[in-house]
């Protein structure tokens, strides 16, 4: 059985994959669409970014992307 952290990470990655090529996606959008607690999602996405799975852009028009 997968942990909640893993399940949420896979849901977020799936959402980002579906949005591939459309630019960065806000954490709040992922959290809302996939029903993931935003604070937990922030931690998960930061870990994925630090491991090189995701990248991010700061500022206006920023967010996470593959």
PDB file of N, CA and C in Angstrom:
ATOM      1  N   UNK A   1       0.843  -1.189   0.000  1.00  0.00           N
ATOM      2  CA  UNK A   1       0.000   0.000   0.000  1.00  0.00           C
ATOM      3  C   UNK A   1       0.882   1.244   0.000  1.00  0.00           C
ATOM      4  N   UNK A   2       0.481   2.226  -0.771  1.00  0.00           N
ATOM      5  CA  UNK A   2       1.232   3.468  -0.872  1.00  0.00           C
ATOM      6  C   UNK A   2       0.823   4.438   0.233  1.00  0.00           C
ATOM      7  N   UNK A   3       1.799   5.197   0.721  1.00  0.00           N
ATOM      8  CA  UNK A   3       1.508   6.205   1.739  1.00  0.00           C
ATOM      9  C   UNK A   3       0.692   7.341   1.116  1.00  0.00           C
ATOM     10  N   UNK A   4       0.062   8.138   1.958  1.00  0.00           N
ATOM     11  CA  UNK A   4      -0.701   9.297   1.482  1.00  0.00           C
ATOM     12  C   UNK A   4       0.217  10.261   0.735  1.00  0.00           C
ATOM     13  N   UNK A   5       1.432  10.416   1.246  1.00  0.00           N
ATOM     14  CA  UNK A   5       2.390  11.316   0.612  1.00  0.00           C
ATOM     15  C   UNK A   5       2.673  10.859  -0.828  1.00  0.00           C
ATOM     16  N   UNK A   6       2.872   9.573  -1.008  1.00  0.00           N
ATOM     17  CA  UNK A   6       3.133   9.023  -2.336  1.00  0.00           C
ATOM     18  C   UNK A   6       1.909   9.163  -3.225  1.00  0.00           C
ATOM     19  N   UNK A   7       0.732   8.858  -2.694  1.00  0.00           N
ATOM     20  CA  UNK A   7      -0.501   8.980  -3.473  1.00  0.00           C
ATOM     21  C   UNK A   7      -0.710  10.419  -3.940  1.00  0.00           C
ATOM     22  N   UNK A   8      -0.529  11.369  -3.037  1.00  0.00           N
ATOM     23  CA  UNK A   8      -0.696  12.780  -3.389  1.00  0.00           C
ATOM     24  C   UNK A   8       0.365  13.214  -4.392  1.00  0.00           C
ATOM     25  N   UNK A   9       1.590  12.753  -4.221  1.00  0.00           N
ATOM     26  CA  UNK A   9       2.657  13.085  -5.158  1.00  0.00           C
ATOM     27  C   UNK A   9       2.341  12.593  -6.557  1.00  0.00           C
ATOM     28  N   UNK A  10       1.835  11.378  -6.658  1.00  0.00           N
ATOM     29  CA  UNK A  10       1.478  10.824  -7.970  1.00  0.00           C
ATOM     30  C   UNK A  10       0.302  11.575  -8.595  1.00  0.00           C
ATOM     31  N   UNK A  11      -0.674  11.953  -7.775  1.00  0.00           N
ATOM     32  CA  UNK A  11      -1.805  12.744  -8.283  1.00  0.00           C
ATOM     33  C   UNK A  11      -1.321  14.088  -8.822  1.00  0.00           C
ATOM     34  N   UNK A  12      -0.427  14.732  -8.078  1.00  0.00           N
ATOM     35  CA  UNK A  12       0.096  16.033  -8.496  1.00  0.00           C
ATOM     36  C   UNK A  12       0.911  15.897  -9.780  1.00  0.00           C
ATOM     37  N   UNK A  13       1.743  14.862  -9.871  1.00  0.00           N
ATOM     38  CA  UNK A  13       2.540  14.644 -11.079  1.00  0.00           C
ATOM     39  C   UNK A  13       1.648  14.357 -12.280  1.00  0.00           C
ATOM     40  N   UNK A  14       0.589  13.611 -12.074  1.00  0.00           N
ATOM     41  CA  UNK A  14      -0.354  13.332 -13.148  1.00  0.00           C
ATOM     42  C   UNK A  14      -1.021  14.609 -13.648  1.00  0.00           C
ATOM     43  N   UNK A  15      -1.377  15.480 -12.724  1.00  0.00           N
ATOM     44  CA  UNK A  15      -1.990  16.755 -13.098  1.00  0.00           C
ATOM     45  C   UNK A  15      -0.998  17.619 -13.873  1.00  0.00           C
ATOM     46  N   UNK A  16       0.238  17.672 -13.393  1.00  0.00           N
ATOM     47  CA  UNK A  16       1.261  18.448 -14.082  1.00  0.00           C
ATOM     48  C   UNK A  16       1.558  17.877 -15.466  1.00  0.00           C
ATOM     49  N   UNK A  17       1.511  16.568 -15.593  1.00  0.00           N
ATOM     50  CA  UNK A  17       1.729  15.933 -16.900  1.00  0.00           C
ATOM     51  C   UNK A  17       0.611  16.312 -17.870  1.00  0.00           C
ATOM     52  N   UNK A  18      -0.616  16.371 -17.362  1.00  0.00           N
ATOM     53  CA  UNK A  18      -1.757  16.749 -18.206  1.00  0.00           C
ATOM     54  C   UNK A  18      -1.650  18.209 -18.656  1.00  0.00           C
ATOM     55  N   UNK A  19      -0.999  19.040 -17.863  1.00  0.00           N
ATOM     56  CA  UNK A  19      -0.829  20.461 -18.162  1.00  0.00           C
ATOM     57  C   UNK A  19       0.511  20.755 -18.843  1.00  0.00           C
ATOM     58  N   UNK A  20       1.252  19.712 -19.198  1.00  0.00           N
ATOM     59  CA  UNK A  20       2.580  19.881 -19.796  1.00  0.00           C
ATOM     60  C   UNK A  20       2.521  20.777 -21.037  1.00  0.00           C
ATOM     61  N   UNK A  21       3.428  21.723 -21.085  1.00  0.00           N
ATOM     62  CA  UNK A  21       3.495  22.631 -22.221  1.00  0.00           C
ATOM     63  C   UNK A  21       2.629  23.869 -22.086  1.00  0.00           C
ATOM     64  N   UNK A  22       1.828  23.935 -21.041  1.00  0.00           N
ATOM     65  CA  UNK A  22       0.947  25.091 -20.826  1.00  0.00           C
ATOM     66  C   UNK A  22       1.550  26.114 -19.868  1.00  0.00           C
ATOM     67  N   UNK A  23       2.749  25.851 -19.404  1.00  0.00           N
ATOM     68  CA  UNK A  23       3.401  26.757 -18.461  1.00  0.00           C
ATOM     69  C   UNK A  23       3.261  26.288 -17.028  1.00  0.00           C
ATOM     70  N   UNK A  24       3.850  27.044 -16.109  1.00  0.00           N
ATOM     71  CA  UNK A  24       3.812  26.678 -14.689  1.00  0.00           C
ATOM     72  C   UNK A  24       2.386  26.631 -14.124  1.00  0.00           C
ATOM     73  N   UNK A  25       2.184  25.729 -13.175  1.00  0.00           N
ATOM     74  CA  UNK A  25       0.879  25.539 -12.540  1.00  0.00           C
ATOM     75  C   UNK A  25       1.006  25.910 -11.060  1.00  0.00           C
ATOM     76  N   UNK A  26       0.072  26.697 -10.561  1.00  0.00           N
ATOM     77  CA  UNK A  26       0.073  27.101  -9.153  1.00  0.00           C
ATOM     78  C   UNK A  26      -0.222  25.918  -8.230  1.00  0.00           C
ATOM     79  N   UNK A  27       0.401  25.927  -7.072  1.00  0.00           N
ATOM     80  CA  UNK A  27       0.136  24.896  -6.071  1.00  0.00           C
ATOM     81  C   UNK A  27      -1.345  24.898  -5.701  1.00  0.00           C
ATOM     82  N   UNK A  28      -1.918  26.083  -5.576  1.00  0.00           N
ATOM     83  CA  UNK A  28      -3.328  26.177  -5.179  1.00  0.00           C
ATOM     84  C   UNK A  28      -4.241  25.516  -6.207  1.00  0.00           C
ATOM     85  N   UNK A  29      -3.899  25.608  -7.477  1.00  0.00           N
ATOM     86  CA  UNK A  29      -4.702  24.969  -8.524  1.00  0.00           C
ATOM     87  C   UNK A  29      -4.637  23.444  -8.406  1.00  0.00           C
ATOM     88  N   UNK A  30      -3.429  22.932  -8.204  1.00  0.00           N
ATOM     89  CA  UNK A  30      -3.265  21.476  -8.056  1.00  0.00           C
ATOM     90  C   UNK A  30      -4.023  20.999  -6.827  1.00  0.00           C
ATOM     91  N   UNK A  31      -3.857  21.708  -5.718  1.00  0.00           N
ATOM     92  CA  UNK A  31      -4.512  21.324  -4.460  1.00  0.00           C
ATOM     93  C   UNK A  31      -6.028  21.303  -4.610  1.00  0.00           C
ATOM     94  N   UNK A  32      -6.569  22.318  -5.263  1.00  0.00           N
ATOM     95  CA  UNK A  32      -8.012  22.413  -5.454  1.00  0.00           C
ATOM     96  C   UNK A  32      -8.530  21.301  -6.358  1.00  0.00           C
ATOM     97  N   UNK A  33      -7.899  21.117  -7.506  1.00  0.00           N
ATOM     98  CA  UNK A  33      -8.367  20.135  -8.487  1.00  0.00           C
ATOM     99  C   UNK A  33      -8.205  18.697  -8.016  1.00  0.00           C
ATOM    100  N   UNK A  34      -7.138  18.438  -7.263  1.00  0.00           N
ATOM    101  CA  UNK A  34      -6.856  17.060  -6.838  1.00  0.00           C
ATOM    102  C   UNK A  34      -7.229  16.792  -5.378  1.00  0.00           C
ATOM    103  N   UNK A  35      -7.800  17.811  -4.724  1.00  0.00           N
ATOM    104  CA  UNK A  35      -8.248  17.679  -3.336  1.00  0.00           C
ATOM    105  C   UNK A  35      -7.117  17.202  -2.407  1.00  0.00           C
ATOM    106  N   UNK A  36      -6.022  17.958  -2.457  1.00  0.00           N
ATOM    107  CA  UNK A  36      -4.851  17.675  -1.632  1.00  0.00           C
ATOM    108  C   UNK A  36      -4.651  18.862  -0.689  1.00  0.00           C
ATOM    109  N   UNK A  37      -4.416  18.616   0.602  1.00  0.00           N
ATOM    110  CA  UNK A  37      -4.143  19.734   1.520  1.00  0.00           C
ATOM    111  C   UNK A  37      -2.940  20.546   1.034  1.00  0.00           C
ATOM    112  N   UNK A  38      -3.111  21.852   0.932  1.00  0.00           N
ATOM    113  CA  UNK A  38      -2.109  22.703   0.291  1.00  0.00           C
ATOM    114  C   UNK A  38      -0.758  22.678   1.006  1.00  0.00           C
ATOM    115  N   UNK A  39      -0.747  22.706   2.329  1.00  0.00           N
ATOM    116  CA  UNK A  39       0.525  22.699   3.068  1.00  0.00           C
ATOM    117  C   UNK A  39       1.275  21.391   2.837  1.00  0.00           C
ATOM    118  N   UNK A  40       0.551  20.284   2.809  1.00  0.00           N
ATOM    119  CA  UNK A  40       1.161  18.980   2.556  1.00  0.00           C
ATOM    120  C   UNK A  40       1.701  18.935   1.133  1.00  0.00           C
ATOM    121  N   UNK A  41       0.947  19.476   0.188  1.00  0.00           N
ATOM    122  CA  UNK A  41       1.356  19.494  -1.210  1.00  0.00           C
ATOM    123  C   UNK A  41       2.613  20.342  -1.409  1.00  0.00           C
ATOM    124  N   UNK A  42       2.704  21.471  -0.717  1.00  0.00           N
ATOM    125  CA  UNK A  42       3.899  22.313  -0.808  1.00  0.00           C
ATOM    126  C   UNK A  42       5.147  21.517  -0.449  1.00  0.00           C
ATOM    127  N   UNK A  43       5.062  20.752   0.619  1.00  0.00           N
ATOM    128  CA  UNK A  43       6.180  19.923   1.065  1.00  0.00           C
ATOM    129  C   UNK A  43       6.539  18.859   0.033  1.00  0.00           C
ATOM    130  N   UNK A  44       5.534  18.213  -0.519  1.00  0.00           N
ATOM    131  CA  UNK A  44       5.751  17.151  -1.511  1.00  0.00           C
ATOM    132  C   UNK A  44       6.402  17.724  -2.767  1.00  0.00           C
ATOM    133  N   UNK A  45       5.869  18.827  -3.283  1.00  0.00           N
ATOM    134  CA  UNK A  45       6.402  19.416  -4.513  1.00  0.00           C
ATOM    135  C   UNK A  45       7.821  19.940  -4.320  1.00  0.00           C
ATOM    136  N   UNK A  46       8.120  20.466  -3.143  1.00  0.00           N
ATOM    137  CA  UNK A  46       9.467  20.941  -2.860  1.00  0.00           C
ATOM    138  C   UNK A  46      10.459  19.767  -2.869  1.00  0.00           C
ATOM    139  N   UNK A  47      10.054  18.649  -2.292  1.00  0.00           N
ATOM    140  CA  UNK A  47      10.911  17.461  -2.319  1.00  0.00           C
ATOM    141  C   UNK A  47      11.142  16.987  -3.749  1.00  0.00           C
ATOM    142  N   UNK A  48      10.095  16.963  -4.548  1.00  0.00           N
ATOM    143  CA  UNK A  48      10.225  16.532  -5.943  1.00  0.00           C
ATOM    144  C   UNK A  48      11.113  17.499  -6.728  1.00  0.00           C
ATOM    145  N   UNK A  49      11.031  18.784  -6.421  1.00  0.00           N
ATOM    146  CA  UNK A  49      11.884  19.769  -7.085  1.00  0.00           C
ATOM    147  C   UNK A  49      13.343  19.551  -6.691  1.00  0.00           C
ATOM    148  N   UNK A  50      13.592  19.322  -5.411  1.00  0.00           N
ATOM    149  CA  UNK A  50      14.955  19.117  -4.935  1.00  0.00           C
ATOM    150  C   UNK A  50      15.585  17.850  -5.506  1.00  0.00           C
ATOM    151  N   UNK A  51      14.774  16.873  -5.863  1.00  0.00           N
ATOM    152  CA  UNK A  51      15.271  15.625  -6.457  1.00  0.00           C
ATOM    153  C   UNK A  51      15.398  15.723  -7.975  1.00  0.00           C
ATOM    154  N   UNK A  52      14.977  16.855  -8.561  1.00  0.00           N
ATOM    155  CA  UNK A  52      15.119  17.064  -9.991  1.00  0.00           C
ATOM    156  C   UNK A  52      13.970  16.532 -10.832  1.00  0.00           C
ATOM    157  N   UNK A  53      12.881  16.135 -10.190  1.00  0.00           N
ATOM    158  CA  UNK A  53      11.722  15.621 -10.924  1.00  0.00           C
ATOM    159  C   UNK A  53      10.921  16.775 -11.520  1.00  0.00           C
ATOM    160  N   UNK A  54      10.807  17.870 -10.767  1.00  0.00           N
ATOM    161  CA  UNK A  54      10.047  19.047 -11.181  1.00  0.00           C
ATOM    162  C   UNK A  54      10.961  20.257 -11.239  1.00  0.00           C
ATOM    163  N   UNK A  55      10.449  21.311 -11.836  1.00  0.00           N
ATOM    164  CA  UNK A  55      11.121  22.603 -11.775  1.00  0.00           C
ATOM    165  C   UNK A  55      10.060  23.623 -11.392  1.00  0.00           C
ATOM    166  N   UNK A  56      10.510  24.798 -11.027  1.00  0.00           N
ATOM    167  CA  UNK A  56       9.544  25.834 -10.643  1.00  0.00           C
ATOM    168  C   UNK A  56      10.004  27.181 -11.161  1.00  0.00           C
ATOM    169  N   UNK A  57       9.037  28.090 -11.204  1.00  0.00           N
ATOM    170  CA  UNK A  57       9.296  29.466 -11.594  1.00  0.00           C
ATOM    171  C   UNK A  57       8.680  30.345 -10.525  1.00  0.00           C
ATOM    172  N   UNK A  58       9.434  31.317 -10.052  1.00  0.00           N
ATOM    173  CA  UNK A  58       8.930  32.224  -9.024  1.00  0.00           C
ATOM    174  C   UNK A  58       8.307  33.467  -9.641  1.00  0.00           C
ATOM    175  N   UNK A  59       7.499  34.130  -8.836  1.00  0.00           N
ATOM    176  CA  UNK A  59       6.916  35.409  -9.259  1.00  0.00           C
ATOM    177  C   UNK A  59       5.638  35.272 -10.058  1.00  0.00           C
ATOM    178  N   UNK A  60       5.263  36.371 -10.693  1.00  0.00           N
ATOM    179  CA  UNK A  60       4.035  36.400 -11.474  1.00  0.00           C
ATOM    180  C   UNK A  60       4.128  35.380 -12.612  1.00  0.00           C
ATOM    181  N   UNK A  61       3.103  34.585 -12.774  1.00  0.00           N
ATOM    182  CA  UNK A  61       3.112  33.547 -13.798  1.00  0.00           C
ATOM    183  C   UNK A  61       3.922  32.336 -13.386  1.00  0.00           C
ATOM    184  N   UNK A  62       4.258  32.263 -12.111  1.00  0.00           N
ATOM    185  CA  UNK A  62       5.086  31.173 -11.614  1.00  0.00           C
ATOM    186  C   UNK A  62       4.277  29.970 -11.188  1.00  0.00           C
ATOM    187  N   UNK A  63       4.994  28.942 -10.779  1.00  0.00           N
ATOM    188  CA  UNK A  63       4.390  27.707 -10.310  1.00  0.00           C
ATOM    189  C   UNK A  63       5.336  26.554 -10.595  1.00  0.00           C
ATOM    190  N   UNK A  64       4.790  25.350 -10.588  1.00  0.00           N
ATOM    191  CA  UNK A  64       5.580  24.146 -10.833  1.00  0.00           C
ATOM    192  C   UNK A  64       5.273  23.577 -12.206  1.00  0.00           C
ATOM    193  N   UNK A  65       6.276  22.929 -12.796  1.00  0.00           N
ATOM    194  CA  UNK A  65       6.100  22.290 -14.095  1.00  0.00           C
ATOM    195  C   UNK A  65       7.099  21.157 -14.243  1.00  0.00           C
ATOM    196  N   UNK A  66       6.811  20.263 -15.203  1.00  0.00           N
ATOM    197  CA  UNK A  66       7.705  19.136 -15.478  1.00  0.00           C
ATOM    198  C   UNK A  66       8.825  19.583 -16.398  1.00  0.00           C
TER     199      UNK A  66
END
